[in-house]
């Protein structure tokens, strides 16, 4: 699975929708969790979706996701939300920051 990212790429956050064609966000999360190399990289996995109900949120957090955000309607709110996520994870102490 790690080859899909390429050895030269160093993602510091993964934003995933719940509702994706062929492989939904929960399935993708589970596939990434079993990849030993990616697991050691401690890349935050954040759900960013329009799907919002209690069961979806419970399912997402059952995969040890690090966040669940609802996509805002306006472009300005979308930019603010993404900016907030990126700033948080850039400041957060994690094994990737050393």
N, C-alpha and C. Protein backbone atom coordinates (compact mmCIF):
# COMPACT_ATOMS: atom_id res chain seq x y z
N UNK A 1 0.83 -1.20 0.00
CA UNK A 1 0.00 0.00 0.00
C UNK A 1 0.87 1.25 0.00
N UNK A 2 1.96 1.21 0.67
CA UNK A 2 2.80 2.39 0.78
C UNK A 2 3.32 2.85 -0.57
N UNK A 3 3.51 1.92 -1.49
CA UNK A 3 3.98 2.28 -2.82
C UNK A 3 3.02 3.24 -3.51
N UNK A 4 1.76 3.20 -3.14
CA UNK A 4 0.78 4.10 -3.74
C UNK A 4 1.11 5.56 -3.43
N UNK A 5 1.74 5.81 -2.30
CA UNK A 5 2.13 7.17 -1.95
C UNK A 5 3.46 7.55 -2.59
N UNK A 6 4.23 6.56 -2.95
CA UNK A 6 5.54 6.83 -3.51
C UNK A 6 6.54 7.06 -2.39
N UNK A 7 7.73 6.56 -2.55
CA UNK A 7 8.72 6.67 -1.48
C UNK A 7 9.24 8.09 -1.30
N UNK A 8 9.07 8.95 -2.31
CA UNK A 8 9.56 10.33 -2.22
C UNK A 8 8.55 11.27 -1.57
N UNK A 9 7.31 10.84 -1.44
CA UNK A 9 6.29 11.69 -0.84
C UNK A 9 6.24 11.50 0.67
N UNK A 10 6.02 12.59 1.38
CA UNK A 10 5.94 12.52 2.84
C UNK A 10 4.68 13.26 3.31
N UNK A 11 3.52 12.61 3.14
CA UNK A 11 2.30 13.28 3.59
C UNK A 11 2.31 13.47 5.10
N UNK A 12 1.78 14.61 5.56
CA UNK A 12 1.74 14.83 7.00
C UNK A 12 0.31 14.74 7.53
N UNK A 13 -0.67 14.63 6.62
CA UNK A 13 -2.06 14.49 7.01
C UNK A 13 -2.82 13.85 5.85
N UNK A 14 -3.80 13.04 6.18
CA UNK A 14 -4.66 12.44 5.16
C UNK A 14 -6.08 12.89 5.43
N UNK A 15 -6.67 13.57 4.45
CA UNK A 15 -8.08 13.96 4.52
C UNK A 15 -8.86 12.99 3.65
N UNK A 16 -9.90 12.42 4.22
CA UNK A 16 -10.67 11.42 3.50
C UNK A 16 -12.16 11.67 3.66
N UNK A 17 -12.88 11.48 2.58
CA UNK A 17 -14.34 11.52 2.66
C UNK A 17 -14.82 10.14 3.09
N UNK A 18 -15.98 10.06 3.69
CA UNK A 18 -16.59 8.78 4.01
C UNK A 18 -17.11 8.14 2.73
N UNK A 19 -17.79 8.95 1.92
CA UNK A 19 -18.46 8.46 0.71
C UNK A 19 -17.58 8.64 -0.51
N UNK A 20 -16.82 7.61 -0.83
CA UNK A 20 -16.00 7.64 -2.04
C UNK A 20 -16.40 6.42 -2.88
N UNK A 21 -16.28 6.54 -4.19
CA UNK A 21 -16.64 5.40 -5.03
C UNK A 21 -15.62 4.27 -4.90
N UNK A 22 -16.06 3.06 -5.02
CA UNK A 22 -15.25 1.84 -5.02
C UNK A 22 -14.65 1.49 -3.66
N UNK A 23 -14.06 2.44 -2.98
CA UNK A 23 -13.44 2.19 -1.68
C UNK A 23 -13.82 3.35 -0.77
N UNK A 24 -14.74 3.10 0.18
CA UNK A 24 -15.15 4.24 1.02
C UNK A 24 -14.06 4.58 2.04
N UNK A 25 -14.24 5.70 2.70
CA UNK A 25 -13.23 6.21 3.62
C UNK A 25 -12.90 5.28 4.77
N UNK A 26 -13.91 4.57 5.28
CA UNK A 26 -13.67 3.62 6.36
C UNK A 26 -12.81 2.45 5.87
N UNK A 27 -13.09 1.96 4.68
CA UNK A 27 -12.30 0.86 4.11
C UNK A 27 -10.86 1.31 3.85
N UNK A 28 -10.71 2.52 3.33
CA UNK A 28 -9.37 3.05 3.09
C UNK A 28 -8.60 3.17 4.41
N UNK A 29 -9.25 3.67 5.43
CA UNK A 29 -8.60 3.81 6.74
C UNK A 29 -8.11 2.46 7.23
N UNK A 30 -8.95 1.45 7.13
CA UNK A 30 -8.56 0.11 7.59
C UNK A 30 -7.38 -0.44 6.79
N UNK A 31 -7.36 -0.20 5.48
CA UNK A 31 -6.24 -0.67 4.65
C UNK A 31 -4.93 0.03 5.05
N UNK A 32 -5.01 1.32 5.33
CA UNK A 32 -3.81 2.05 5.73
C UNK A 32 -3.31 1.61 7.10
N UNK A 33 -4.24 1.23 7.98
CA UNK A 33 -3.84 0.80 9.32
C UNK A 33 -3.03 -0.49 9.31
N UNK A 34 -3.27 -1.35 8.34
CA UNK A 34 -2.55 -2.63 8.32
C UNK A 34 -1.23 -2.53 7.56
N UNK A 35 -0.95 -1.39 6.95
CA UNK A 35 0.33 -1.19 6.28
C UNK A 35 1.36 -0.78 7.33
N UNK A 36 2.29 -1.66 7.63
CA UNK A 36 3.24 -1.45 8.73
C UNK A 36 4.06 -0.18 8.56
N UNK A 37 4.53 0.09 7.34
CA UNK A 37 5.35 1.28 7.11
C UNK A 37 4.56 2.56 7.34
N UNK A 38 3.34 2.60 6.83
CA UNK A 38 2.50 3.78 7.03
C UNK A 38 2.09 3.93 8.48
N UNK A 39 1.84 2.82 9.14
CA UNK A 39 1.45 2.87 10.55
C UNK A 39 2.55 3.53 11.39
N UNK A 40 3.79 3.24 11.09
CA UNK A 40 4.90 3.82 11.83
C UNK A 40 5.08 5.31 11.56
N UNK A 41 4.57 5.79 10.45
CA UNK A 41 4.71 7.20 10.11
C UNK A 41 3.77 8.09 10.93
N UNK A 42 2.77 7.51 11.56
CA UNK A 42 1.84 8.25 12.41
C UNK A 42 1.20 9.43 11.67
N UNK A 43 0.72 9.19 10.47
CA UNK A 43 0.09 10.24 9.68
C UNK A 43 -1.36 10.40 10.16
N UNK A 44 -1.74 11.58 10.62
CA UNK A 44 -3.12 11.78 11.06
C UNK A 44 -4.11 11.51 9.93
N UNK A 45 -5.14 10.75 10.24
CA UNK A 45 -6.19 10.42 9.27
C UNK A 45 -7.45 11.15 9.72
N UNK A 46 -7.91 12.09 8.90
CA UNK A 46 -9.02 12.95 9.24
C UNK A 46 -10.16 12.71 8.24
N UNK A 47 -11.35 12.48 8.76
CA UNK A 47 -12.51 12.41 7.88
C UNK A 47 -13.04 13.82 7.65
N UNK A 48 -13.30 14.13 6.40
CA UNK A 48 -13.79 15.45 5.99
C UNK A 48 -14.91 15.18 4.99
N UNK A 49 -16.13 15.28 5.45
CA UNK A 49 -17.25 14.74 4.69
C UNK A 49 -18.53 15.53 4.88
N UNK A 50 -19.49 15.27 4.03
CA UNK A 50 -20.83 15.84 4.20
C UNK A 50 -21.73 14.85 4.95
N UNK A 51 -21.28 13.62 5.06
CA UNK A 51 -22.06 12.58 5.75
C UNK A 51 -21.97 12.80 7.24
N UNK A 52 -23.09 13.09 7.86
CA UNK A 52 -23.07 13.31 9.30
C UNK A 52 -24.28 12.68 9.96
N UNK A 53 -24.01 11.64 10.68
CA UNK A 53 -24.99 11.06 11.59
C UNK A 53 -24.20 10.32 12.65
N UNK A 54 -24.85 10.00 13.73
CA UNK A 54 -24.14 9.42 14.87
C UNK A 54 -23.40 8.13 14.49
N UNK A 55 -24.04 7.27 13.70
CA UNK A 55 -23.40 5.99 13.36
C UNK A 55 -22.14 6.18 12.53
N UNK A 56 -22.17 7.12 11.60
CA UNK A 56 -20.98 7.39 10.77
C UNK A 56 -19.84 7.89 11.64
N UNK A 57 -20.13 8.77 12.58
CA UNK A 57 -19.09 9.29 13.47
C UNK A 57 -18.54 8.18 14.36
N UNK A 58 -19.41 7.34 14.90
CA UNK A 58 -18.97 6.21 15.73
C UNK A 58 -18.11 5.26 14.91
N UNK A 59 -18.55 4.95 13.70
CA UNK A 59 -17.77 4.07 12.83
C UNK A 59 -16.39 4.66 12.52
N UNK A 60 -16.35 5.95 12.26
CA UNK A 60 -15.08 6.61 11.95
C UNK A 60 -14.12 6.53 13.14
N UNK A 61 -14.60 6.86 14.32
CA UNK A 61 -13.72 6.83 15.49
C UNK A 61 -13.37 5.41 15.92
N UNK A 62 -14.15 4.42 15.50
CA UNK A 62 -13.81 3.03 15.81
C UNK A 62 -12.58 2.58 15.03
N UNK A 63 -12.21 3.34 13.99
CA UNK A 63 -11.00 3.03 13.22
C UNK A 63 -9.81 3.83 13.74
N UNK A 64 -9.94 4.43 14.89
CA UNK A 64 -8.89 5.26 15.50
C UNK A 64 -8.52 6.46 14.64
N UNK A 65 -9.51 7.04 14.00
CA UNK A 65 -9.27 8.26 13.25
C UNK A 65 -8.92 9.38 14.22
N UNK A 66 -8.24 10.39 13.73
CA UNK A 66 -7.83 11.49 14.60
C UNK A 66 -8.74 12.70 14.50
N UNK A 67 -9.77 12.63 13.68
CA UNK A 67 -10.69 13.76 13.58
C UNK A 67 -11.81 13.50 12.60
N UNK A 68 -12.89 14.23 12.78
CA UNK A 68 -14.05 14.11 11.90
C UNK A 68 -14.62 15.52 11.75
N UNK A 69 -14.57 16.03 10.54
CA UNK A 69 -15.06 17.36 10.25
C UNK A 69 -16.13 17.29 9.16
N UNK A 70 -17.10 18.16 9.27
CA UNK A 70 -18.14 18.26 8.26
C UNK A 70 -17.74 19.36 7.28
N UNK A 71 -17.83 19.05 5.99
CA UNK A 71 -17.48 20.03 4.96
C UNK A 71 -18.48 21.19 5.01
N UNK A 72 -17.98 22.40 5.15
CA UNK A 72 -18.87 23.57 5.15
C UNK A 72 -19.41 23.83 3.74
N UNK A 73 -20.47 24.61 3.69
CA UNK A 73 -21.10 24.92 2.41
C UNK A 73 -20.35 26.03 1.68
N UNK A 74 -19.99 27.08 2.39
CA UNK A 74 -19.35 28.22 1.72
C UNK A 74 -17.86 27.97 1.51
N UNK A 75 -17.34 28.56 0.45
CA UNK A 75 -15.92 28.42 0.14
C UNK A 75 -15.06 29.03 1.24
N UNK A 76 -15.47 30.15 1.78
CA UNK A 76 -14.70 30.82 2.84
C UNK A 76 -14.62 29.93 4.08
N UNK A 77 -15.74 29.32 4.46
CA UNK A 77 -15.74 28.41 5.61
C UNK A 77 -14.90 27.16 5.33
N UNK A 78 -14.92 26.69 4.09
CA UNK A 78 -14.12 25.54 3.70
C UNK A 78 -12.64 25.86 3.89
N UNK A 79 -12.20 27.02 3.41
CA UNK A 79 -10.80 27.42 3.57
C UNK A 79 -10.43 27.53 5.04
N UNK A 80 -11.30 28.12 5.85
CA UNK A 80 -11.02 28.28 7.28
C UNK A 80 -10.89 26.93 7.97
N UNK A 81 -11.76 26.00 7.63
CA UNK A 81 -11.73 24.68 8.25
C UNK A 81 -10.46 23.93 7.89
N UNK A 82 -10.09 23.94 6.63
CA UNK A 82 -8.86 23.27 6.20
C UNK A 82 -7.64 23.93 6.84
N UNK A 83 -7.64 25.25 6.90
CA UNK A 83 -6.54 25.98 7.53
C UNK A 83 -6.42 25.58 9.01
N UNK A 84 -7.53 25.49 9.69
CA UNK A 84 -7.55 25.09 11.10
C UNK A 84 -6.96 23.69 11.28
N UNK A 85 -7.37 22.75 10.43
CA UNK A 85 -6.86 21.38 10.53
C UNK A 85 -5.35 21.34 10.32
N UNK A 86 -4.88 22.02 9.30
CA UNK A 86 -3.45 22.01 8.98
C UNK A 86 -2.64 22.67 10.08
N UNK A 87 -3.10 23.81 10.57
CA UNK A 87 -2.37 24.49 11.66
C UNK A 87 -2.30 23.62 12.91
N UNK A 88 -3.40 22.98 13.25
CA UNK A 88 -3.42 22.11 14.42
C UNK A 88 -2.39 21.00 14.30
N UNK A 89 -2.40 20.28 13.17
CA UNK A 89 -1.51 19.13 13.01
C UNK A 89 -0.06 19.54 12.80
N UNK A 90 0.19 20.75 12.32
CA UNK A 90 1.57 21.21 12.22
C UNK A 90 2.13 21.54 13.59
N UNK A 91 1.29 21.99 14.51
CA UNK A 91 1.74 22.33 15.86
C UNK A 91 1.73 21.14 16.81
N UNK A 92 0.93 20.14 16.49
CA UNK A 92 0.78 18.97 17.36
C UNK A 92 2.09 18.18 17.42
N UNK A 93 2.50 17.80 18.61
CA UNK A 93 3.69 16.97 18.75
C UNK A 93 3.35 15.54 18.34
N UNK A 94 4.10 15.02 17.42
CA UNK A 94 3.92 13.63 16.98
C UNK A 94 5.28 13.10 16.55
N UNK A 95 5.39 11.79 16.38
CA UNK A 95 6.67 11.22 15.96
C UNK A 95 7.19 11.80 14.64
N UNK A 96 6.29 12.33 13.81
CA UNK A 96 6.71 12.90 12.53
C UNK A 96 7.41 14.24 12.68
N UNK A 97 7.30 14.90 13.82
CA UNK A 97 7.86 16.23 14.01
C UNK A 97 9.34 16.20 14.44
N UNK A 98 9.92 15.04 14.56
CA UNK A 98 11.30 14.96 15.05
C UNK A 98 12.24 14.56 13.94
